[in-house]
Protein backbone atom coordinates (compact mmCIF):
# COMPACT_ATOMS: atom_id res chain seq x y z
CA MET A 1 -21.22 25.09 23.73
CA ASN A 2 -21.35 28.53 25.77
CA ASN A 3 -19.80 26.84 28.61
CA VAL A 4 -17.07 25.45 26.29
CA ILE A 5 -15.90 28.89 24.81
CA LEU A 6 -16.26 30.53 27.86
CA TYR A 7 -13.64 28.24 29.83
CA PHE A 8 -11.22 28.36 26.65
CA PHE A 9 -11.19 32.47 26.73
CA GLU A 10 -11.17 32.13 30.84
CA SER A 11 -8.21 29.60 30.59
CA THR A 12 -6.29 31.81 27.71
CA LEU A 13 -6.56 34.87 29.81
CA ILE A 14 -5.51 33.43 32.85
CA PHE A 15 -2.22 32.03 31.12
CA SER A 16 -1.66 35.20 29.59
CA VAL A 17 -1.93 37.38 32.54
CA LEU A 18 0.49 34.90 34.68
CA TYR A 19 3.14 34.84 31.66
CA LEU A 20 2.94 38.36 31.47
CA ALA A 21 3.37 38.83 34.92
CA TYR A 22 6.24 36.58 35.15
CA LYS A 23 8.12 37.90 32.07
CA LEU A 24 7.77 41.75 33.10
CA VAL A 25 8.61 40.77 37.01
CA LEU A 26 10.39 37.86 37.45
CA SER A 27 12.48 36.60 34.27
CA SER A 28 15.27 38.73 35.04
CA LEU A 29 15.88 36.84 38.20
CA THR A 30 18.44 34.14 38.83
CA PHE A 31 16.26 32.08 40.07
CA HIS A 32 16.23 29.41 37.42
CA LYS A 33 14.43 26.46 39.43
CA LEU A 34 12.46 28.82 40.95
CA ASN A 35 11.71 30.54 37.73
CA ARG A 36 10.79 26.94 35.94
CA PHE A 37 8.55 26.10 38.30
CA ILE A 38 6.28 29.48 38.30
CA LEU A 39 6.54 28.64 34.68
CA LEU A 40 5.52 24.87 34.37
CA ALA A 41 2.58 25.71 37.16
CA THR A 42 1.47 28.01 35.19
CA ILE A 43 -0.47 25.37 33.01
CA PRO A 44 -2.13 23.53 35.24
CA LEU A 45 -3.38 26.82 37.56
CA SER A 46 -4.67 28.32 33.70
CA ILE A 47 -6.52 24.60 33.29
CA LEU A 48 -7.95 24.12 36.88
CA ILE A 49 -8.98 27.70 37.73
CA PRO A 50 -11.96 28.12 35.84
CA LEU A 51 -12.79 24.20 36.81
CA THR A 52 -12.83 25.50 40.18
CA ASN A 53 -16.93 24.91 40.13
CA SER A 54 -16.57 21.58 39.40
CA ILE A 55 -13.84 20.86 41.48
CA LEU A 56 -14.69 22.12 44.78
CA PRO A 57 -17.58 20.84 46.45
CA SER A 58 -20.49 23.14 46.66
CA THR A 59 -23.99 23.22 48.77
CA PRO A 60 -26.84 21.72 46.83
CA HIS A 61 -28.92 24.66 44.69
CA SER A 62 -31.92 24.49 42.52
CA ILE A 63 -31.73 23.64 39.22
CA ILE A 64 -33.70 25.47 36.87
CA GLU A 65 -34.72 23.64 33.66
CA VAL A 66 -34.20 26.28 30.51
CA PRO A 67 -36.42 25.47 27.96
CA GLN A 68 -35.92 26.07 23.89
CA LEU A 69 -37.77 29.64 23.04
CA PHE A 70 -39.98 29.84 20.71
CA GLU A 71 -41.55 33.31 20.23
CA LYS A 72 -42.20 36.35 17.01
CA VAL A 73 -41.65 39.50 17.90
CA ASN A 74 -44.70 41.16 15.35
CA GLN A 75 -43.09 45.04 15.36
CA SER A 76 -45.69 47.42 14.15
CA SER A 77 -44.77 49.35 10.93
CA HIS A 78 -44.78 53.08 12.92
CA THR A 79 -41.86 51.63 15.40
CA THR A 80 -38.30 53.38 14.32
CA TYR A 81 -36.11 49.92 14.21
CA ASN A 82 -38.43 48.38 12.49
CA SER A 83 -37.01 48.76 9.15
CA ALA A 84 -33.29 47.14 10.57
CA ILE A 85 -35.32 44.29 11.63
CA GLN A 86 -34.40 41.11 9.52
CA PRO A 87 -35.26 37.70 9.95
CA VAL A 88 -33.02 35.29 11.45
CA LEU A 89 -32.64 32.37 10.56
CA ASP A 90 -32.84 29.47 13.36
CA ASP A 91 -29.51 27.90 12.74
CA VAL A 92 -27.12 30.86 12.27
CA SER A 93 -25.50 30.56 15.80
CA THR A 94 -25.02 26.98 15.32
CA ASN A 95 -23.55 27.35 12.24
CA TYR A 96 -20.70 29.84 13.50
CA PHE A 97 -20.30 27.49 16.44
CA TYR A 98 -19.56 24.68 14.29
CA PHE A 99 -17.49 26.23 12.33
CA PHE A 100 -14.96 27.47 14.80
CA ILE A 101 -15.41 24.33 16.43
CA ILE A 102 -13.90 23.08 12.75
CA LEU A 103 -11.47 25.60 12.30
CA TYR A 104 -10.21 25.11 15.86
CA TRP A 105 -9.59 21.55 15.33
CA ILE A 106 -7.88 21.57 12.31
CA GLY A 107 -5.22 23.71 14.20
CA ALA A 108 -5.40 21.10 17.40
CA LEU A 109 -4.45 18.05 14.83
CA PHE A 110 -1.93 19.88 12.81
CA SER A 111 0.02 20.87 15.86
CA LEU A 112 -0.45 17.47 17.26
CA PHE A 113 1.01 16.21 13.98
CA ARG A 114 3.88 18.29 14.02
CA LEU A 115 4.82 17.19 17.34
CA PHE A 116 4.29 13.46 16.20
CA VAL A 117 6.62 14.12 12.69
CA ALA A 118 9.24 15.30 15.27
CA ASN A 119 9.46 12.36 17.65
CA LYS A 120 8.93 10.05 14.54
CA LYS A 121 12.15 12.05 12.85
CA LEU A 122 14.20 11.17 16.08
CA ILE A 123 13.40 7.70 15.80
CA VAL A 124 14.58 7.38 12.49
CA LEU A 125 17.62 9.46 13.09
CA LYS A 126 18.11 7.03 16.14
CA ARG A 127 17.50 3.70 14.33
CA LYS A 128 19.95 5.15 12.22
CA ALA A 129 22.57 6.31 14.21
CA LYS A 130 25.79 4.71 15.77
CA ILE A 131 25.30 4.25 19.26
CA TYR A 132 27.87 4.56 22.14
CA GLN A 133 27.19 3.94 26.06
CA GLN A 134 28.45 6.94 28.35
CA ASN A 135 27.73 6.68 31.93
CA GLY A 136 24.28 6.00 31.93
CA PHE A 137 23.80 8.38 28.92
CA LYS A 138 23.19 7.32 24.82
CA ILE A 139 25.55 8.80 22.31
CA LEU A 140 23.78 9.04 19.29
CA VAL A 141 25.78 10.44 15.75
CA ALA A 142 23.49 10.75 13.49
CA ASN A 143 23.12 13.04 10.50
CA VAL A 144 22.05 16.26 12.32
CA PRO A 145 22.86 20.00 11.93
CA ASP A 146 23.33 20.64 15.51
CA ILE A 147 24.43 18.33 19.20
CA PHE A 148 21.03 18.34 20.98
CA SER A 149 19.49 16.12 23.90
CA TYR A 150 16.44 14.37 23.68
CA PHE A 151 15.34 12.43 27.13
CA ASN A 152 18.45 10.39 27.71
CA TRP A 153 19.80 10.48 24.30
CA ILE A 154 22.38 13.00 23.39
CA PHE A 155 22.53 13.45 19.16
CA ILE A 156 25.82 14.53 17.44
CA PRO A 157 26.47 15.36 14.08
CA GLU A 158 28.78 13.08 12.15
CA LYS A 159 30.78 15.21 10.46
CA LYS A 160 31.34 16.96 14.18
CA HIS A 161 31.56 14.21 15.79
CA GLU A 162 35.48 14.46 16.52
CA LYS A 163 35.11 18.21 17.81
CA TYR A 164 33.37 18.42 20.42
CA ASP A 165 34.54 19.69 23.34
CA GLU A 166 33.32 17.32 26.83
CA LEU A 167 31.98 20.51 28.11
CA ILE A 168 29.49 20.76 25.81
CA ILE A 169 28.84 17.03 25.86
CA ALA A 170 28.41 18.18 29.61
CA HIS A 171 25.89 20.83 28.91
CA GLU A 172 23.19 18.28 27.36
CA LYS A 173 24.08 15.73 29.75
CA ALA A 174 22.90 18.44 32.42
CA HIS A 175 19.39 19.02 30.34
CA ILE A 176 19.11 15.52 30.55
CA GLN A 177 19.64 15.30 34.18
CA LEU A 178 17.53 18.31 34.75
CA LYS A 179 14.92 16.06 32.99
CA HIS A 180 13.88 19.29 30.55
CA SER A 181 12.55 17.04 27.64
CA ILE A 182 9.22 16.18 29.51
CA ASP A 183 8.70 20.07 29.98
CA LEU A 184 8.82 20.98 26.24
CA VAL A 185 6.78 17.70 25.57
CA ILE A 186 4.22 18.87 28.19
CA THR A 187 4.39 22.33 26.72
CA GLU A 188 3.74 20.97 23.36
CA LEU A 189 0.59 19.29 24.27
CA PHE A 190 -0.47 22.64 26.02
CA ILE A 191 0.11 24.50 22.81
CA ALA A 192 -2.03 22.22 20.63
CA LEU A 193 -4.78 22.94 22.84
CA PHE A 194 -4.30 26.24 23.16
CA TRP A 195 -2.76 26.93 19.46
CA PHE A 196 -4.49 30.13 19.13
CA ASN A 197 -3.17 31.82 21.86
CA PRO A 198 0.49 34.01 20.73
CA VAL A 199 1.55 34.14 23.80
CA MET A 200 1.80 30.79 24.09
CA TYR A 201 4.89 30.90 21.67
CA PHE A 202 6.23 33.68 23.62
CA TYR A 203 5.84 31.04 26.86
CA ARG A 204 7.88 28.40 24.92
CA LYS A 205 10.82 30.65 24.24
CA SER A 206 11.06 31.41 27.79
CA LEU A 207 11.09 27.86 29.49
CA LYS A 208 13.45 26.97 27.10
CA SER A 209 15.69 29.87 27.85
CA ILE A 210 15.28 28.51 31.30
CA HIS A 211 16.43 25.21 30.48
CA GLU A 212 19.44 26.58 29.23
CA PHE A 213 20.42 28.77 32.00
CA GLN A 214 19.86 26.14 34.17
CA ALA A 215 22.18 23.91 32.24
CA ASP A 216 24.56 26.37 31.63
CA HIS A 217 25.05 26.93 35.57
CA LYS A 218 25.09 22.93 36.15
CA VAL A 219 28.35 23.24 33.88
CA LEU A 220 29.83 26.49 35.36
CA LYS A 221 29.70 25.06 39.18
CA ASN A 222 32.28 22.74 38.30
CA LYS A 223 34.97 25.74 38.19
CA VAL A 224 34.49 26.05 34.20
CA LYS A 225 35.87 29.63 33.33
CA THR A 226 32.84 31.27 31.66
CA SER A 227 34.99 32.57 28.61
CA VAL A 228 35.93 29.11 27.76
CA TYR A 229 32.81 27.81 27.65
CA MET A 230 31.14 30.75 25.72
CA GLN A 231 34.12 30.12 23.22
CA LEU A 232 33.08 26.33 23.23
CA LEU A 233 29.15 27.09 22.61
CA LEU A 234 29.95 29.71 19.75
CA GLN A 235 31.32 26.75 17.90
CA THR A 236 28.10 24.66 18.11
CA ILE A 237 26.10 26.79 16.45
CA THR A 238 24.55 26.64 12.81
CA ALA A 239 23.02 28.80 10.45
CA GLU A 240 20.16 25.88 10.11
CA LYS A 241 16.60 26.44 11.72
CA PRO A 242 15.91 24.79 14.92
CA ASN A 243 13.41 22.08 15.74
CA ASN A 244 11.06 23.37 18.83
CA LEU A 245 10.92 20.10 20.60
CA TYR A 246 14.81 19.61 21.49
CA SER A 247 16.80 22.28 19.67
CA TYR A 248 18.49 24.63 21.68
CA PHE A 249 21.06 26.33 19.81
CA ASN A 250 19.89 29.46 18.31
CA HIS A 251 21.12 33.05 18.21
CA PRO A 252 18.44 34.76 20.49
CA ILE A 253 18.82 32.10 23.42
CA LEU A 254 22.77 32.47 23.22
CA LEU A 255 22.82 36.06 24.05
CA LYS A 256 20.53 35.89 26.97
CA ARG A 257 22.52 33.21 27.92
CA ILE A 258 25.77 35.19 27.98
CA LYS A 259 23.85 37.57 29.50
CA MET A 260 22.60 35.69 32.50
CA MET A 261 26.06 34.09 32.65
CA THR A 262 27.54 37.22 33.68
CA LYS A 263 24.89 38.57 35.52
CA THR A 264 25.44 39.48 39.44
CA LYS A 265 23.69 36.65 40.94
CA SER A 266 19.69 38.39 42.16
CA ASN A 267 19.36 39.07 46.17
CA ASN A 268 17.35 36.81 48.37
CA LEU A 269 15.19 39.70 48.93
CA ALA A 270 13.81 39.80 45.31
CA LYS A 271 12.43 36.47 45.88
CA LEU A 272 9.51 38.51 47.50
CA LYS A 273 8.61 39.05 44.06
CA TYR A 274 7.34 36.06 43.47
CA PHE A 275 4.28 36.87 46.12
CA LEU A 276 2.81 38.90 43.30
CA LEU A 277 1.38 35.57 41.31
CA LEU A 278 -0.54 34.97 44.71
CA PRO A 279 -3.08 37.86 44.52
CA ILE A 280 -3.45 37.18 40.43
CA CYS A 281 -4.68 33.88 40.97
CA VAL A 282 -6.96 34.84 43.90
CA LEU A 283 -8.66 37.43 42.05
CA PHE A 284 -8.79 34.92 39.17
CA LEU A 285 -10.54 32.42 41.82
CA ILE A 286 -12.93 34.83 43.09
CA ALA A 287 -13.72 36.28 39.49
CA PHE A 288 -14.57 32.77 37.82
CA THR A 289 -15.76 31.05 40.61
CA LYS A 290 -19.58 31.09 41.01
CA PRO A 291 -21.31 31.02 44.78
CA THR A 292 -23.27 27.57 44.92
CA THR A 293 -26.64 28.31 47.59
CA LYS A 294 -29.60 27.19 47.40
CA ASN A 295 -32.12 29.75 45.97
CA THR A 296 -35.17 27.41 47.41
CA PHE A 297 -37.97 29.66 48.71
CA ILE A 298 -40.50 28.77 51.89
CA ASN A 299 -43.88 30.33 51.84
CA LYS A 300 -42.58 31.82 55.20
CA ALA A 301 -39.89 33.87 53.17
CA VAL A 302 -38.03 34.96 56.64
CA GLU A 303 -35.64 32.15 56.83
CA THR A 304 -34.02 33.41 53.49
CA VAL A 305 -31.43 36.41 54.22
CA ASP A 306 -31.46 37.22 57.79
CA ILE A 307 -30.33 41.09 56.55
CA PHE A 308 -32.88 41.25 53.67
CA GLU A 309 -36.66 41.03 53.97
CA ILE A 310 -38.53 39.71 51.24
CA LYS A 311 -41.76 40.33 50.48
CA ASN A 312 -44.32 37.95 49.71
CA THR A 313 -45.70 39.67 47.19
CA PRO A 314 -46.59 38.20 43.06
CA PRO A 315 -44.79 40.32 40.69
CA SER A 316 -46.96 43.59 39.51
CA ILE A 317 -44.53 46.43 37.65
CA PHE A 318 -44.31 46.48 34.37
CA PRO A 319 -40.53 44.86 33.58
CA VAL A 320 -39.54 47.82 30.99
CA GLN A 321 -38.44 50.76 32.64
CA ASN A 322 -40.73 53.82 32.12
CA GLY A 323 -42.55 51.47 29.35
CA SER A 324 -46.01 50.23 29.62
CA ILE A 325 -48.76 48.22 28.05
CA LYS A 326 -48.44 49.82 24.71
CA ASP A 327 -44.97 48.61 23.94
CA ILE A 328 -46.32 45.02 24.22
CA THR A 329 -45.90 43.60 20.50
CA SER A 330 -46.56 40.03 21.27
CA THR A 331 -48.92 38.78 23.67
CA TYR A 332 -49.33 35.28 25.64
CA GLY A 333 -50.93 32.22 24.27
CA PRO A 334 -51.12 30.82 20.93
CA SER A 335 -49.03 32.94 18.54
CA ALA A 336 -48.09 33.00 14.64
CA LYS A 337 -46.28 30.04 12.74
CA ARG A 338 -42.35 29.63 12.86
CA PRO A 339 -41.11 30.81 9.69
CA LYS A 340 -40.31 27.81 7.63
CA MET A 341 -42.33 25.64 10.12
CA SER A 342 -45.86 24.45 9.78
CA THR A 343 -46.50 23.75 13.38
CA GLU A 344 -47.74 26.51 15.44
CA LYS A 345 -46.65 27.56 19.09
CA ASN A 346 -47.33 28.79 22.10
CA HIS A 347 -45.82 32.11 23.11
CA GLY A 348 -45.26 31.91 27.11
CA GLY A 349 -45.22 35.52 27.70
CA ILE A 350 -45.27 39.04 26.28
CA ASP A 351 -43.07 40.63 24.14
CA ILE A 352 -42.02 44.17 24.84
CA LYS A 353 -40.50 46.52 22.01
CA ALA A 354 -38.16 48.87 23.66
CA LYS A 355 -34.56 50.37 22.42
CA ILE A 356 -31.30 48.85 23.33
CA GLY A 357 -30.16 49.79 26.51
CA THR A 358 -33.36 50.07 28.20
CA PRO A 359 -32.94 49.34 31.93
CA VAL A 360 -34.99 46.02 33.02
CA ILE A 361 -36.06 46.30 36.53
CA ALA A 362 -37.35 43.35 38.88
CA THR A 363 -41.59 42.79 39.20
CA ALA A 364 -41.01 41.86 42.53
CA ASP A 365 -38.77 41.35 45.60
CA GLY A 366 -36.59 38.08 45.30
CA VAL A 367 -33.28 36.30 44.26
CA ILE A 368 -31.22 35.74 40.94
CA SER A 369 -31.80 32.19 40.36
CA LYS A 370 -29.95 32.67 36.69
CA ALA A 371 -27.86 35.07 34.93
CA SER A 372 -26.41 33.59 31.87
CA LEU A 373 -26.45 32.96 28.43
CA GLU A 374 -28.77 30.31 27.64
CA GLY A 375 -29.14 29.69 23.63
CA ASN A 376 -32.16 30.53 21.86
CA TRP A 377 -33.00 33.34 24.55
CA GLY A 378 -30.11 34.89 24.65
CA ASN A 379 -28.93 36.56 27.95
CA LEU A 380 -31.51 35.43 30.53
CA ILE A 381 -32.48 36.10 33.86
CA VAL A 382 -34.33 34.21 36.28
CA ILE A 383 -35.42 36.00 39.69
CA SER A 384 -36.92 33.18 42.35
CA HIS A 385 -40.16 34.59 43.98
CA PRO A 386 -42.03 33.86 47.65
CA ASP A 387 -44.94 31.78 46.98
CA GLY A 388 -43.70 29.70 44.21
CA TYR A 389 -43.41 32.45 41.77
CA GLU A 390 -41.20 32.92 38.84
CA THR A 391 -39.99 35.70 36.39
CA TRP A 392 -37.74 35.60 33.32
CA TYR A 393 -36.72 37.89 31.31
CA ALA A 394 -34.56 37.34 27.97
CA HIS A 395 -32.56 38.57 25.30
CA LEU A 396 -30.52 40.95 27.33
CA GLN A 397 -28.07 43.43 26.10
CA SER A 398 -26.06 42.74 29.57
CA PHE A 399 -26.78 41.95 33.45
CA ASN A 400 -26.76 43.77 36.25
CA CYS A 401 -27.01 41.33 38.86
CA LYS A 402 -25.05 37.93 39.53
CA GLU A 403 -26.72 34.93 40.18
CA THR A 404 -28.04 34.21 44.17
CA GLN A 405 -27.91 38.07 44.49
CA ASP A 406 -30.94 39.64 46.25
CA ILE A 407 -33.13 41.99 44.56
CA LYS A 408 -35.69 44.38 45.30
CA LYS A 409 -38.99 45.18 43.53
CA GLY A 410 -37.90 47.80 40.98
CA GLU A 411 -34.04 47.75 40.47
CA VAL A 412 -32.51 47.49 37.80
CA ILE A 413 -31.21 43.73 36.40
CA GLY A 414 -30.36 44.30 33.12
CA TYR A 415 -30.73 46.11 29.66
CA VAL A 416 -32.82 45.49 26.64
CA GLY A 417 -30.96 43.73 24.14
CA ASN A 418 -31.11 41.42 20.75
CA THR A 419 -29.28 38.46 21.67
CA GLY A 420 -30.55 34.52 21.09
CA LEU A 421 -33.26 33.69 19.18
CA SER A 422 -34.41 37.51 18.38
CA SER A 423 -35.64 39.11 15.50
CA GLY A 424 -35.21 42.40 17.08
CA PRO A 425 -34.64 44.62 20.00
CA HIS A 426 -36.88 43.99 22.72
CA LEU A 427 -37.87 42.06 26.11
CA HIS A 428 -39.37 38.65 26.60
CA TYR A 429 -41.18 38.13 29.41
CA GLU A 430 -42.92 35.55 31.25
CA VAL A 431 -44.14 34.64 35.06
CA LYS A 432 -44.32 30.97 36.09
CA LEU A 433 -46.26 29.87 39.34
CA ASN A 434 -45.45 26.75 40.15
CA GLY A 435 -43.16 25.73 37.40
CA ASN A 436 -46.23 26.79 34.64
CA ARG A 437 -46.57 29.65 32.63
CA VAL A 438 -49.43 32.07 33.73
CA ASN A 439 -50.19 35.08 31.61
CA PRO A 440 -48.13 38.27 32.61
CA ILE A 441 -50.82 40.74 32.30
CA ASN A 442 -52.49 39.38 34.85
CA TYR A 443 -50.07 40.68 36.75
CA ILE A 444 -49.47 43.50 35.90
CA GLN A 445 -50.71 46.48 37.79
CA ASN A 446 -49.49 49.23 35.84
């Protein structure tokens, strides 16, 4: 659940940053072919970079299974935050998740439906149109407001059939030869998946502008006067709303085209600006790729890391900074019945009351095996220690460590929070020996 949400967030962030970089630095350049490539490459990059953990080969690593957590925090009546604690329903987070999933699919299906309707309208228009073959292109005279092309079809309005100059037809042929319709279909499918990202709609306009620049350039290469060509384009414009899938003729794009046709060609040295995208992609790869190394301890822990000596001492200090045994609100072992359930559960650790943001410290030397959001556990840290020990720290507000990081006893690894299935700010702390839960109290020396 959390991985899906995280993926969409990362993909949306990458896409938005790459498009913003294009818009601010590259969009004004006259390298239309290169700009088209950059815009189209933004889609696979934003899809694949967050998946690099799954795509790239990885070294074996120990897998920590996170079971379901049950606990009840018994806050005493004298605590300052007791009055703010309310019962938490088990399915609250699940309900929110399903609500957003339903909302997402409504938007995605609606976008796909619009794409389907647009294509269906074209097929209906094609069936009713008068079709003429012209040098491998199909000229369709149909009931449409403007001239436009879609794949190898060129639609021409019935009322204006005789009025169109060959240059306008050549412009549409250029779109077909450059396969611009494929770009638009890919873009519409991507928009259907990421419809919630407003940047997508600006991206579509930029791509359509590049298509226009390319088609104009192809026509003007045949020694056509720019002034004559622009006059012909103005004659094709109508006030009707264009279809995003296939129509190019609308006033904002036309203004951009006029500026681009009369603009001085960019110097080749300006191509160096495109290298700006490389460090952006590298930074995202570093940010979203987690190292996968084996976190298995051998009894002789000397082999783990050369520059970091892990001591063979079991967890021994109190896990909350400046806390003490007096702050424990729920102990290890049989616990009270869970609300709305008749079965009694065992509490696998201890609960320690503390204010949100209180530092949580490692109780022994070790390596961070897990530092992620894990359902009912909330933000969870698991540390692997020598001699088969593990310590678990749940419901954290945030982390101060990363997976595979070496940790010394007493270092701050995170901060007390109220995440997951928690009814108040506290730390849930567990100690495991060879995979079995043991009473943490037996290991606390202070």
